[in-house]
Structures are given as C-alpha cells and as structure tokens.
Amino acid sequence: MKISRIDHLGIAVKSIEEVLPFYENVLGLKCYAIEEVADQKVKTAFLKCGEVKIELLEPTSEDSTVAKYLEKGGRGVHHMAFYVEDGVANALAECDEKGIRLIDQAPRPGAEQMMISFLHPKSTVGVLTELCEKA
C-alpha cells in the first residue's frame, strides 16, 4: 500500500451551521464545499488547512454512524483519512492479509468524488481509519 498523504480529518458535529463560524471566523479557514452523502446519512462541509482538508460531518439521520458516535459521547475527531496511491481495493486486500479488521469489504463512493473504505479502530490502535482515492 502506498500512502502519499493525510487527505483529511473527519470531525463529528451536531450542526455544521453552528460550528462553521469557529473555523471560518476564528481560525480563518474557508468552507469550499458542502454536500450530502445520502448512503452514509451525513452532510459534509470541507475546509482546507494547507494540504490537509477538514471534513465536518453532520448526521442527517438518527441511525447514521456519526449520530451513534455523537450519542455515545463522541465529539471532535471522528476519523483520519489517508490517500492511497495504488488503489483502495489493493490497500484493503493488503490490510485483510495482515489481519486488519475491515469495516468495508470493497471501496464505496464518498464525498468529493472519492472512493473510500474504513478500517475498524479495534485493529488500528483505536483510530477509525479511512483509505481514499479519487474515483
């Protein structure tokens, strides 16, 4: 697996509208895209900080994984995403061979026209890890 960079940090929030002023007015970052990812039941907002993106994740349904994360007291950083140069499918196969617990068995569409897959935090030293590549 060839990881070239941290693509983004996913931050779980109850309301993008409520937290965006902190990122824009206090930190001076600008939101450049907001979109809904229906199959993941989230609305996302993206900001750029240098080469790394910050993805704000707002649940759009009470049964979304982000809503469940927030209900359990989760706040702040939800996941870390790595950009994989040689393909998410190849990276998943390699992780599976090494005994890493996969959340996704195959890449699926994510925000910003990316193909994504998640690795379970029980196999990744407690950090929900996303692998991504441009679709």
Protein backbone atom coordinates (compact mmCIF):
# COMPACT_ATOMS: atom_id res chain seq x y z
CA MET A 1 0.00 0.00 0.00
CA LYS A 2 1.38 3.39 -0.95
CA ILE A 3 0.04 6.21 1.23
CA SER A 4 1.01 9.63 -0.07
CA ARG A 5 -0.57 11.96 2.46
CA ILE A 6 -3.19 12.57 5.10
CA ASP A 7 -6.15 13.54 2.95
CA HIS A 8 -8.44 14.79 5.69
CA LEU A 9 -9.53 14.68 9.30
CA GLY A 10 -13.21 13.92 9.82
CA ILE A 11 -14.80 15.82 12.69
CA ALA A 12 -18.22 14.80 14.01
CA VAL A 13 -20.53 17.72 14.75
CA LYS A 14 -24.20 18.03 15.64
CA SER A 15 -24.62 21.04 13.36
CA ILE A 16 -22.31 22.32 10.63
CA GLU A 17 -24.11 25.67 10.76
CA GLU A 18 -23.25 26.06 14.45
CA VAL A 19 -19.54 25.15 14.22
CA LEU A 20 -18.61 26.66 10.87
CA PRO A 21 -18.23 30.20 12.30
CA PHE A 22 -15.43 28.94 14.59
CA TYR A 23 -13.47 27.50 11.67
CA GLU A 24 -14.09 30.50 9.40
CA ASN A 25 -14.20 33.50 11.76
CA VAL A 26 -11.73 32.38 14.43
CA LEU A 27 -9.30 30.12 12.56
CA GLY A 28 -9.63 31.94 9.22
CA LEU A 29 -10.33 28.82 7.17
CA LYS A 30 -12.93 28.92 4.41
CA CYS A 31 -15.55 26.31 3.64
CA TYR A 32 -15.28 25.45 -0.04
CA ALA A 33 -17.87 22.68 -0.36
CA ILE A 34 -20.95 21.34 1.37
CA GLU A 35 -22.61 18.15 0.19
CA GLU A 36 -24.82 15.36 1.41
CA VAL A 37 -23.69 11.75 1.15
CA ALA A 38 -27.08 10.04 1.28
CA ASP A 39 -25.92 6.44 1.68
CA GLN A 40 -23.74 7.42 4.67
CA LYS A 41 -26.53 9.58 6.11
CA VAL A 42 -24.30 12.62 6.59
CA LYS A 43 -23.89 16.16 5.39
CA THR A 44 -20.27 17.22 4.95
CA ALA A 45 -18.52 20.57 4.85
CA PHE A 46 -14.91 20.82 3.68
CA LEU A 47 -12.27 23.36 4.67
CA LYS A 48 -8.62 23.36 3.67
CA CYS A 49 -5.68 23.89 6.02
CA GLY A 50 -2.51 23.75 3.98
CA GLU A 51 -2.62 20.47 2.09
CA VAL A 52 -4.91 18.76 4.60
CA LYS A 53 -8.69 19.02 4.47
CA ILE A 54 -11.01 19.16 7.45
CA GLU A 55 -14.31 17.37 6.88
CA LEU A 56 -17.14 18.37 9.21
CA LEU A 57 -19.65 15.51 9.48
CA GLU A 58 -23.25 16.23 10.46
CA PRO A 59 -25.65 13.29 10.73
CA THR A 60 -28.78 13.51 8.58
CA SER A 61 -30.46 10.56 10.29
CA GLU A 62 -30.58 9.27 13.86
CA ASP A 63 -29.39 5.86 12.68
CA SER A 64 -26.24 7.10 10.92
CA THR A 65 -22.88 6.01 12.29
CA VAL A 66 -21.98 9.64 13.00
CA ALA A 67 -25.20 10.13 15.00
CA LYS A 68 -24.42 6.99 17.01
CA TYR A 69 -20.86 8.24 17.59
CA LEU A 70 -22.20 11.55 18.91
CA GLU A 71 -24.80 9.79 21.09
CA LYS A 72 -22.07 7.74 22.77
CA GLY A 73 -20.34 10.96 23.79
CA GLY A 74 -18.03 11.14 20.82
CA ARG A 75 -17.06 14.67 19.86
CA GLY A 76 -14.35 16.07 17.74
CA VAL A 77 -12.10 13.92 15.59
CA HIS A 78 -14.11 11.01 14.20
CA HIS A 79 -11.58 9.57 11.73
CA MET A 80 -8.33 10.12 9.90
CA ALA A 81 -8.21 9.57 6.14
CA PHE A 82 -5.14 8.55 4.16
CA TYR A 83 -4.86 8.98 0.40
CA VAL A 84 -3.80 5.68 -1.19
CA GLU A 85 -1.87 5.99 -4.47
CA ASP A 86 -2.17 2.35 -5.54
CA GLY A 87 -5.91 2.00 -5.01
CA VAL A 88 -8.22 1.40 -2.10
CA ALA A 89 -9.11 -2.11 -3.26
CA ASN A 90 -5.44 -3.11 -3.21
CA ALA A 91 -4.97 -1.49 0.20
CA LEU A 92 -7.98 -3.37 1.60
CA ALA A 93 -6.62 -6.67 0.33
CA GLU A 94 -3.25 -5.95 1.92
CA CYS A 95 -4.85 -4.96 5.23
CA ASP A 96 -7.01 -8.08 5.18
CA GLU A 97 -3.93 -10.25 4.58
CA LYS A 98 -2.29 -8.61 7.60
CA GLY A 99 -5.27 -9.40 9.82
CA ILE A 100 -6.72 -5.89 9.99
CA ARG A 101 -10.47 -5.83 10.64
CA LEU A 102 -12.25 -4.23 7.68
CA ILE A 103 -15.46 -2.24 8.02
CA ASP A 104 -15.84 -2.12 4.25
CA GLN A 105 -15.04 -5.19 2.18
CA ALA A 106 -14.84 -3.10 -1.01
CA PRO A 107 -14.42 0.59 -1.85
CA ARG A 108 -17.60 2.69 -1.94
CA PRO A 109 -18.42 6.23 -3.07
CA GLY A 110 -17.75 9.04 -0.60
CA ALA A 111 -17.79 12.83 -0.63
CA GLU A 112 -15.79 14.83 -3.19
CA GLN A 113 -15.95 12.03 -5.80
CA MET A 114 -13.71 9.79 -3.75
CA MET A 115 -13.76 6.04 -3.35
CA ILE A 116 -13.43 5.21 0.33
CA SER A 117 -13.18 2.33 2.79
CA PHE A 118 -12.85 2.18 6.55
CA LEU A 119 -10.68 0.05 8.82
CA HIS A 120 -12.06 -0.84 12.25
CA PRO A 121 -10.50 1.08 15.16
CA LYS A 122 -10.06 -2.18 17.12
CA SER A 123 -7.39 -3.10 14.55
CA THR A 124 -5.91 0.37 14.06
CA VAL A 125 -4.78 1.31 17.56
CA GLY A 126 -8.09 2.99 18.37
CA VAL A 127 -8.29 5.35 15.39
CA LEU A 128 -11.09 4.91 12.85
CA THR A 129 -9.04 4.92 9.65
CA GLU A 130 -10.31 5.76 6.18
CA LEU A 131 -8.50 4.91 2.98
CA CYS A 132 -9.42 7.01 -0.04
CA GLU A 133 -8.61 7.66 -3.68
CA LYS A 134 -10.08 9.84 -6.41
CA ALA A 135 -12.85 7.99 -8.25
